[in-house]
Amino acid sequence: MATQCWNHAQENVGSDVNYELTHCMIRLVKRRGSRIRNDLLKYVRAEVQSAFSFRKNTKYMKRNAKRAQDLIANKSFHYKKPKHQEGYCENPVISSILTAIWFKDAKSAGVIYEKHFDPISINLLTFILTLVHFGISEWTTGQFKSKVFSETDIASTFEAFYTDLKRWHNLNPTVTTNRRKKLFTRARKLLGAVSPDEPAPMLVGEVEEKARQELEAHTGETDSEPEAGLSTDSDDE
C-alpha cells in the first residue's frame, strides 16, 4: 500500500525525476502508521455514524444493516443523493472528514501545507472514500463492530476508488478540478483560515483596544488632540 501511494504521489507531481521509496522509508511509515490510523478512525467513525444516521440502539439493527449493505453494495455512499446516485463525490461526509482531519486547526496539514491541498488531490480524495467505505463496513451487521484498518485489507478498495476518480476527472478536468478546489475552499472557511493575499479584519485584540483609547482622548472636532505627555509629528512646524 505504501508503495502504491508513493507511486500515485509521484504521478501527480508530474516530475521527470523518480524518487526511490527505500525499505528504510517504508519501515518508518509503518512504525508511525498504527498511531496515525487510530487518530484517523476516531474522526471517521464519528462522521460516518452521524452522516448516515447509524444508531447503536439494538432496535435499529435491521435498519443499520440494510443501510450499510446498500451503501457498500454499489458504492453509492459518496453521492450527494446515494439512493439515486446523483451528485458524484459530493456527499457532505467527504467535506466533514476532510475538515475534521486535515483542517482541524491552524497547525493542521491542510493549513501549513496549503499549496499541496489546493485543489484537493485525487489521491487524498481516494483515501477519504476508502476511509468512509471502511467506516460503513463496520456497521454491516447492524451493530458497530470495530475492525482493524490495515493497508493489506484496503489496498484493493483504494485502487478501485482511485481508478474511478481518475476516470471521473478525465470526463471534464476543468469542472472536476474546480470541484476539488471548492472542497479546499470550504474546509478553509470552516476553519476560519485566510490566505495571505486575501484582505482580513485587522482591528482586533490589542489594536482594537488602542484605537478605542485614542478615540476616548478626542472629541472628533479637531484634526489632532494629543493627550498630555504624548509627542506628535512636527515635521511641518
C-alpha atoms as a PDB file:
ATOM      1  CA  MET A   1       0.000   0.000   0.000  1.00  0.00           C
ATOM      2  CA  ALA A   2       2.819   2.410   0.879  1.00  0.00           C
ATOM      3  CA  THR A   3       4.468   1.767  -2.491  1.00  0.00           C
ATOM      4  CA  GLN A   4       1.199   2.311  -4.366  1.00  0.00           C
ATOM      5  CA  CYS A   5       0.557   5.616  -2.608  1.00  0.00           C
ATOM      6  CA  TRP A   6       4.128   6.706  -3.259  1.00  0.00           C
ATOM      7  CA  ASN A   7       3.818   5.921  -6.969  1.00  0.00           C
ATOM      8  CA  HIS A   8       0.495   7.760  -7.226  1.00  0.00           C
ATOM      9  CA  ALA A   9       2.002  10.796  -5.473  1.00  0.00           C
ATOM     10  CA  GLN A  10       4.919  10.930  -7.917  1.00  0.00           C
ATOM     11  CA  GLU A  11       2.495  10.556 -10.800  1.00  0.00           C
ATOM     12  CA  ASN A  12       0.511  13.571  -9.581  1.00  0.00           C
ATOM     13  CA  VAL A  13       3.636  15.686  -9.110  1.00  0.00           C
ATOM     14  CA  GLY A  14       4.464  15.172 -12.770  1.00  0.00           C
ATOM     15  CA  SER A  15       8.219  15.435 -12.294  1.00  0.00           C
ATOM     16  CA  ASP A  16      10.681  13.741 -14.620  1.00  0.00           C
ATOM     17  CA  VAL A  17      12.653  12.673 -11.556  1.00  0.00           C
ATOM     18  CA  ASN A  18      11.551   9.460  -9.855  1.00  0.00           C
ATOM     19  CA  TYR A  19      12.445   9.167  -6.188  1.00  0.00           C
ATOM     20  CA  GLU A  20      13.010   5.704  -4.798  1.00  0.00           C
ATOM     21  CA  LEU A  21      10.933   4.564  -1.838  1.00  0.00           C
ATOM     22  CA  THR A  22      13.545   2.733   0.213  1.00  0.00           C
ATOM     23  CA  HIS A  23      12.928  -0.091   2.698  1.00  0.00           C
ATOM     24  CA  CYS A  24      14.069   2.238   5.469  1.00  0.00           C
ATOM     25  CA  MET A  25      11.401   4.790   4.486  1.00  0.00           C
ATOM     26  CA  ILE A  26       8.708   2.094   4.361  1.00  0.00           C
ATOM     27  CA  ARG A  27       9.657   0.865   7.840  1.00  0.00           C
ATOM     28  CA  LEU A  28       9.445   4.429   9.147  1.00  0.00           C
ATOM     29  CA  VAL A  29       5.969   4.892   7.665  1.00  0.00           C
ATOM     30  CA  LYS A  30       4.762   1.562   9.090  1.00  0.00           C
ATOM     31  CA  ARG A  31       6.061   2.382  12.575  1.00  0.00           C
ATOM     32  CA  ARG A  32       4.020   5.581  12.582  1.00  0.00           C
ATOM     33  CA  GLY A  33       1.101   4.005  10.779  1.00  0.00           C
ATOM     34  CA  SER A  34      -0.664   2.430  13.739  1.00  0.00           C
ATOM     35  CA  ARG A  35      -0.949   5.652  15.743  1.00  0.00           C
ATOM     36  CA  ILE A  36      -1.946   7.685  12.717  1.00  0.00           C
ATOM     37  CA  ARG A  37      -4.614   5.154  11.701  1.00  0.00           C
ATOM     38  CA  ASN A  38      -6.169   5.227  15.172  1.00  0.00           C
ATOM     39  CA  ASP A  39      -6.316   9.024  15.101  1.00  0.00           C
ATOM     40  CA  LEU A  40      -7.930   8.998  11.655  1.00  0.00           C
ATOM     41  CA  LEU A  41     -10.502   6.357  12.533  1.00  0.00           C
ATOM     42  CA  LYS A  42     -11.625   8.284  15.603  1.00  0.00           C
ATOM     43  CA  TYR A  43     -12.844  11.093  13.359  1.00  0.00           C
ATOM     44  CA  VAL A  44     -14.040   8.864  10.529  1.00  0.00           C
ATOM     45  CA  ARG A  45     -16.229   6.703  12.759  1.00  0.00           C
ATOM     46  CA  ALA A  46     -17.893   9.724  14.318  1.00  0.00           C
ATOM     47  CA  GLU A  47     -18.562  11.385  10.955  1.00  0.00           C
ATOM     48  CA  VAL A  48     -19.814   8.176   9.317  1.00  0.00           C
ATOM     49  CA  GLN A  49     -22.231   7.422  12.139  1.00  0.00           C
ATOM     50  CA  SER A  50     -23.606  10.951  12.006  1.00  0.00           C
ATOM     51  CA  ALA A  51     -23.766  11.273   8.206  1.00  0.00           C
ATOM     52  CA  PHE A  52     -25.630   8.012   7.629  1.00  0.00           C
ATOM     53  CA  SER A  53     -27.664   8.021  10.858  1.00  0.00           C
ATOM     54  CA  PHE A  54     -26.389   4.713  12.220  1.00  0.00           C
ATOM     55  CA  ARG A  55     -27.723   4.142  15.742  1.00  0.00           C
ATOM     56  CA  LYS A  56     -26.279   1.926  18.442  1.00  0.00           C
ATOM     57  CA  ASN A  57     -29.635   1.006  19.964  1.00  0.00           C
ATOM     58  CA  THR A  58     -30.324  -2.670  19.133  1.00  0.00           C
ATOM     59  CA  LYS A  59     -33.837  -1.888  17.876  1.00  0.00           C
ATOM     60  CA  TYR A  60     -32.212  -0.227  14.838  1.00  0.00           C
ATOM     61  CA  MET A  61     -30.079  -3.230  13.892  1.00  0.00           C
ATOM     62  CA  LYS A  62     -32.051  -4.220  10.790  1.00  0.00           C
ATOM     63  CA  ARG A  63     -32.204  -0.686   9.523  1.00  0.00           C
ATOM     64  CA  ASN A  64     -28.485  -0.155  10.188  1.00  0.00           C
ATOM     65  CA  ALA A  65     -27.550  -3.382   8.422  1.00  0.00           C
ATOM     66  CA  LYS A  66     -29.652  -2.681   5.331  1.00  0.00           C
ATOM     67  CA  ARG A  67     -28.412   0.878   5.054  1.00  0.00           C
ATOM     68  CA  ALA A  68     -24.760  -0.120   5.365  1.00  0.00           C
ATOM     69  CA  GLN A  69     -25.098  -3.001   2.930  1.00  0.00           C
ATOM     70  CA  ASP A  70     -26.905  -0.856   0.353  1.00  0.00           C
ATOM     71  CA  LEU A  71     -24.316   1.924   0.579  1.00  0.00           C
ATOM     72  CA  ILE A  72     -21.435  -0.510   0.137  1.00  0.00           C
ATOM     73  CA  ALA A  73     -23.021  -2.791  -2.498  1.00  0.00           C
ATOM     74  CA  ASN A  74     -22.907  -0.178  -5.266  1.00  0.00           C
ATOM     75  CA  LYS A  75     -20.501   2.232  -3.548  1.00  0.00           C
ATOM     76  CA  SER A  76     -23.166   4.925  -3.656  1.00  0.00           C
ATOM     77  CA  PHE A  77     -22.259   6.445  -0.292  1.00  0.00           C
ATOM     78  CA  HIS A  78     -20.187   9.260  -1.787  1.00  0.00           C
ATOM     79  CA  TYR A  79     -23.043  10.606  -3.916  1.00  0.00           C
ATOM     80  CA  LYS A  80     -24.920  13.666  -2.704  1.00  0.00           C
ATOM     81  CA  LYS A  81     -28.077  11.569  -3.150  1.00  0.00           C
ATOM     82  CA  PRO A  82     -26.906   7.972  -2.600  1.00  0.00           C
ATOM     83  CA  LYS A  83     -30.274   6.391  -3.344  1.00  0.00           C
ATOM     84  CA  HIS A  84     -30.463   7.956  -6.804  1.00  0.00           C
ATOM     85  CA  GLN A  85     -26.707   8.090  -7.394  1.00  0.00           C
ATOM     86  CA  GLU A  86     -26.792  11.808  -8.109  1.00  0.00           C
ATOM     87  CA  GLY A  87     -24.011  14.244  -7.238  1.00  0.00           C
ATOM     88  CA  TYR A  88     -20.867  12.162  -7.786  1.00  0.00           C
ATOM     89  CA  CYS A  89     -18.422  12.568  -4.907  1.00  0.00           C
ATOM     90  CA  GLU A  90     -20.491  15.356  -3.332  1.00  0.00           C
ATOM     91  CA  ASN A  91     -21.722  13.721  -0.133  1.00  0.00           C
ATOM     92  CA  PRO A  92     -21.198  16.114   2.809  1.00  0.00           C
ATOM     93  CA  VAL A  93     -19.367  13.383   4.750  1.00  0.00           C
ATOM     94  CA  ILE A  94     -16.367  13.905   2.435  1.00  0.00           C
ATOM     95  CA  SER A  95     -16.065  17.563   3.371  1.00  0.00           C
ATOM     96  CA  SER A  96     -16.706  16.771   7.049  1.00  0.00           C
ATOM     97  CA  ILE A  97     -13.869  14.253   7.234  1.00  0.00           C
ATOM     98  CA  LEU A  98     -11.536  16.477   5.240  1.00  0.00           C
ATOM     99  CA  THR A  99     -12.135  19.323   7.675  1.00  0.00           C
ATOM    100  CA  ALA A 100     -12.003  17.186  10.829  1.00  0.00           C
ATOM    101  CA  ILE A 101      -8.661  15.608   9.955  1.00  0.00           C
ATOM    102  CA  TRP A 102      -6.718  17.981   7.686  1.00  0.00           C
ATOM    103  CA  PHE A 103      -8.203  21.371   8.617  1.00  0.00           C
ATOM    104  CA  LYS A 104      -8.900  20.899  12.315  1.00  0.00           C
ATOM    105  CA  ASP A 105      -6.894  23.935  13.432  1.00  0.00           C
ATOM    106  CA  ALA A 106      -4.123  26.303  12.373  1.00  0.00           C
ATOM    107  CA  LYS A 107      -1.500  23.589  12.922  1.00  0.00           C
ATOM    108  CA  SER A 108      -3.222  21.069  10.646  1.00  0.00           C
ATOM    109  CA  ALA A 109      -1.523  19.824   7.498  1.00  0.00           C
ATOM    110  CA  GLY A 110      -4.080  21.453   5.207  1.00  0.00           C
ATOM    111  CA  VAL A 111      -3.213  24.870   6.613  1.00  0.00           C
ATOM    112  CA  ILE A 112       0.555  24.507   6.980  1.00  0.00           C
ATOM    113  CA  TYR A 113       0.964  22.865   3.562  1.00  0.00           C
ATOM    114  CA  GLU A 114      -1.859  24.764   1.895  1.00  0.00           C
ATOM    115  CA  LYS A 115      -0.430  24.670  -1.626  1.00  0.00           C
ATOM    116  CA  HIS A 116      -0.496  20.861  -1.586  1.00  0.00           C
ATOM    117  CA  PHE A 117      -4.215  20.836  -0.781  1.00  0.00           C
ATOM    118  CA  ASP A 118      -5.432  23.333  -3.365  1.00  0.00           C
ATOM    119  CA  PRO A 119      -7.087  21.645  -5.108  1.00  0.00           C
ATOM    120  CA  ILE A 120      -7.712  18.521  -3.029  1.00  0.00           C
ATOM    121  CA  SER A 121      -5.750  15.823  -4.846  1.00  0.00           C
ATOM    122  CA  ILE A 122      -7.195  12.702  -6.410  1.00  0.00           C
ATOM    123  CA  ASN A 123      -5.008  10.707  -4.012  1.00  0.00           C
ATOM    124  CA  LEU A 124      -6.439  12.378  -0.917  1.00  0.00           C
ATOM    125  CA  LEU A 125      -9.979  12.120  -2.241  1.00  0.00           C
ATOM    126  CA  THR A 126      -9.387   8.420  -2.880  1.00  0.00           C
ATOM    127  CA  PHE A 127      -8.113   7.965   0.656  1.00  0.00           C
ATOM    128  CA  ILE A 128     -11.153   9.720   2.120  1.00  0.00           C
ATOM    129  CA  LEU A 129     -13.537   7.493   0.140  1.00  0.00           C
ATOM    130  CA  THR A 130     -11.590   4.452   1.305  1.00  0.00           C
ATOM    131  CA  LEU A 131     -11.902   5.622   4.928  1.00  0.00           C
ATOM    132  CA  VAL A 132     -15.650   6.209   4.591  1.00  0.00           C
ATOM    133  CA  HIS A 133     -16.127   2.812   2.926  1.00  0.00           C
ATOM    134  CA  PHE A 134     -14.253   1.207   5.806  1.00  0.00           C
ATOM    135  CA  GLY A 135     -16.313   3.113   8.383  1.00  0.00           C
ATOM    136  CA  ILE A 136     -19.586   1.978   6.814  1.00  0.00           C
ATOM    137  CA  SER A 137     -18.384  -1.630   6.660  1.00  0.00           C
ATOM    138  CA  GLU A 138     -18.183  -1.639  10.465  1.00  0.00           C
ATOM    139  CA  TRP A 139     -21.996  -1.366  10.549  1.00  0.00           C
ATOM    140  CA  THR A 140     -22.949  -4.127   8.083  1.00  0.00           C
ATOM    141  CA  THR A 141     -24.078  -6.470  10.882  1.00  0.00           C
ATOM    142  CA  GLY A 142     -26.467  -3.836  12.195  1.00  0.00           C
ATOM    143  CA  GLN A 143     -24.272  -3.058  15.166  1.00  0.00           C
ATOM    144  CA  PHE A 144     -20.952  -1.300  15.261  1.00  0.00           C
ATOM    145  CA  LYS A 145     -18.117  -3.837  15.053  1.00  0.00           C
ATOM    146  CA  SER A 146     -14.641  -2.372  15.207  1.00  0.00           C
ATOM    147  CA  LYS A 147     -12.295  -3.670  12.515  1.00  0.00           C
ATOM    148  CA  VAL A 148      -8.550  -3.463  12.017  1.00  0.00           C
ATOM    149  CA  PHE A 149      -7.656  -0.889   9.380  1.00  0.00           C
ATOM    150  CA  SER A 150      -4.707  -2.426   7.556  1.00  0.00           C
ATOM    151  CA  GLU A 151      -3.023  -1.482   4.299  1.00  0.00           C
ATOM    152  CA  THR A 152      -3.318  -5.048   3.005  1.00  0.00           C
ATOM    153  CA  ASP A 153      -7.073  -5.235   3.528  1.00  0.00           C
ATOM    154  CA  ILE A 154      -7.904  -1.849   1.997  1.00  0.00           C
ATOM    155  CA  ALA A 155      -5.470  -1.938  -0.944  1.00  0.00           C
ATOM    156  CA  SER A 156      -7.971  -3.253  -3.490  1.00  0.00           C
ATOM    157  CA  THR A 157     -10.645  -0.787  -2.310  1.00  0.00           C
ATOM    158  CA  PHE A 158      -8.200   2.103  -2.607  1.00  0.00           C
ATOM    159  CA  GLU A 159      -7.206   1.068  -6.126  1.00  0.00           C
ATOM    160  CA  ALA A 160     -10.838   0.724  -7.234  1.00  0.00           C
ATOM    161  CA  PHE A 161     -11.724   4.214  -5.991  1.00  0.00           C
ATOM    162  CA  TYR A 162      -8.550   5.669  -7.475  1.00  0.00           C
ATOM    163  CA  THR A 163      -9.381   4.230 -10.898  1.00  0.00           C
ATOM    164  CA  ASP A 164     -12.945   5.567 -10.711  1.00  0.00           C
ATOM    165  CA  LEU A 165     -11.839   9.021  -9.612  1.00  0.00           C
ATOM    166  CA  LYS A 166      -9.246   9.284 -12.379  1.00  0.00           C
ATOM    167  CA  ARG A 167     -11.932   8.387 -14.920  1.00  0.00           C
ATOM    168  CA  TRP A 168     -14.297  10.898 -13.337  1.00  0.00           C
ATOM    169  CA  HIS A 169     -11.633  13.593 -13.502  1.00  0.00           C
ATOM    170  CA  ASN A 170     -10.881  12.871 -17.154  1.00  0.00           C
ATOM    171  CA  LEU A 171     -14.548  13.270 -18.107  1.00  0.00           C
ATOM    172  CA  ASN A 172     -14.173  17.027 -17.602  1.00  0.00           C
ATOM    173  CA  PRO A 173     -10.853  18.075 -15.999  1.00  0.00           C
ATOM    174  CA  THR A 174     -11.852  21.719 -15.650  1.00  0.00           C
ATOM    175  CA  VAL A 175     -15.084  21.069 -13.767  1.00  0.00           C
ATOM    176  CA  THR A 176     -13.699  18.283 -11.571  1.00  0.00           C
ATOM    177  CA  THR A 177     -10.674  20.394 -10.663  1.00  0.00           C
ATOM    178  CA  ASN A 178     -12.977  23.259  -9.688  1.00  0.00           C
ATOM    179  CA  ARG A 179     -14.992  20.896  -7.513  1.00  0.00           C
ATOM    180  CA  ARG A 180     -11.829  19.776  -5.752  1.00  0.00           C
ATOM    181  CA  LYS A 181     -10.793  23.402  -5.290  1.00  0.00           C
ATOM    182  CA  LYS A 182     -14.200  24.061  -3.792  1.00  0.00           C
ATOM    183  CA  LEU A 183     -13.614  21.285  -1.246  1.00  0.00           C
ATOM    184  CA  PHE A 184     -10.406  23.017  -0.222  1.00  0.00           C
ATOM    185  CA  THR A 185     -12.031  26.450  -0.034  1.00  0.00           C
ATOM    186  CA  ARG A 186     -14.918  25.153   2.056  1.00  0.00           C
ATOM    187  CA  ALA A 187     -12.552  23.438   4.500  1.00  0.00           C
ATOM    188  CA  ARG A 188     -10.546  26.654   4.941  1.00  0.00           C
ATOM    189  CA  LYS A 189     -13.668  28.707   5.525  1.00  0.00           C
ATOM    190  CA  LEU A 190     -14.994  26.272   8.116  1.00  0.00           C
ATOM    191  CA  LEU A 191     -11.676  26.573   9.934  1.00  0.00           C
ATOM    192  CA  GLY A 192     -11.651  30.340   9.516  1.00  0.00           C
ATOM    193  CA  ALA A 193      -8.321  30.325   7.706  1.00  0.00           C
ATOM    194  CA  VAL A 194      -7.487  33.204   5.376  1.00  0.00           C
ATOM    195  CA  SER A 195      -4.753  33.134   2.767  1.00  0.00           C
ATOM    196  CA  PRO A 196      -2.047  35.852   2.899  1.00  0.00           C
ATOM    197  CA  ASP A 197      -3.287  37.597  -0.259  1.00  0.00           C
ATOM    198  CA  GLU A 198      -6.880  37.942   0.958  1.00  0.00           C
ATOM    199  CA  PRO A 199      -7.930  41.017   2.993  1.00  0.00           C
ATOM    200  CA  ALA A 200      -8.664  40.225   6.614  1.00  0.00           C
ATOM    201  CA  PRO A 201     -10.029  42.311   9.509  1.00  0.00           C
ATOM    202  CA  MET A 202      -7.133  43.883  11.418  1.00  0.00           C
ATOM    203  CA  LEU A 203      -8.960  45.896  14.089  1.00  0.00           C
ATOM    204  CA  VAL A 204      -8.928  43.143  16.684  1.00  0.00           C
ATOM    205  CA  GLY A 205      -7.391  42.471  20.098  1.00  0.00           C
ATOM    206  CA  GLU A 206      -4.752  44.977  21.219  1.00  0.00           C
ATOM    207  CA  VAL A 207      -5.085  47.019  18.024  1.00  0.00           C
ATOM    208  CA  GLU A 208      -8.805  47.496  18.665  1.00  0.00           C
ATOM    209  CA  GLU A 209      -8.181  48.491  22.293  1.00  0.00           C
ATOM    210  CA  LYS A 210      -5.547  51.036  21.261  1.00  0.00           C
ATOM    211  CA  ALA A 211      -7.940  52.572  18.727  1.00  0.00           C
ATOM    212  CA  ARG A 212     -10.646  52.785  21.399  1.00  0.00           C
ATOM    213  CA  GLN A 213      -8.320  54.608  23.795  1.00  0.00           C
ATOM    214  CA  GLU A 214      -7.315  57.071  21.089  1.00  0.00           C
ATOM    215  CA  LEU A 215     -10.971  57.878  20.362  1.00  0.00           C
ATOM    216  CA  GLU A 216     -11.681  58.456  24.037  1.00  0.00           C
ATOM    217  CA  ALA A 217      -8.925  61.102  24.087  1.00  0.00           C
ATOM    218  CA  HIS A 218     -10.533  63.111  21.262  1.00  0.00           C
ATOM    219  CA  THR A 219     -13.777  64.924  20.632  1.00  0.00           C
ATOM    220  CA  GLY A 220     -13.565  64.415  16.883  1.00  0.00           C
ATOM    221  CA  GLU A 221     -13.998  68.169  16.266  1.00  0.00           C
ATOM    222  CA  THR A 222     -10.321  68.959  15.574  1.00  0.00           C
ATOM    223  CA  ASP A 223      -7.596  67.406  13.460  1.00  0.00           C
ATOM    224  CA  SER A 224      -5.419  66.433  16.404  1.00  0.00           C
ATOM    225  CA  GLU A 225      -5.925  66.497  20.156  1.00  0.00           C
ATOM    226  CA  PRO A 226      -2.983  64.664  21.726  1.00  0.00           C
ATOM    227  CA  GLU A 227      -3.125  63.618  25.311  1.00  0.00           C
ATOM    228  CA  ALA A 228      -0.720  65.369  27.683  1.00  0.00           C
ATOM    229  CA  GLY A 229       2.751  63.930  27.569  1.00  0.00           C
ATOM    230  CA  LEU A 230       2.336  62.349  24.136  1.00  0.00           C
ATOM    231  CA  SER A 231       4.580  63.551  21.321  1.00  0.00           C
ATOM    232  CA  THR A 232       3.256  64.365  17.843  1.00  0.00           C
ATOM    233  CA  ASP A 233       4.880  64.554  14.422  1.00  0.00           C
ATOM    234  CA  SER A 234       6.055  68.156  13.903  1.00  0.00           C
ATOM    235  CA  ASP A 235       7.885  67.988  10.585  1.00  0.00           C
ATOM    236  CA  ASP A 236       5.686  70.805   9.167  1.00  0.00           C
ATOM    237  CA  GLU A 237       6.151  73.134  12.094  1.00  0.00           C
END
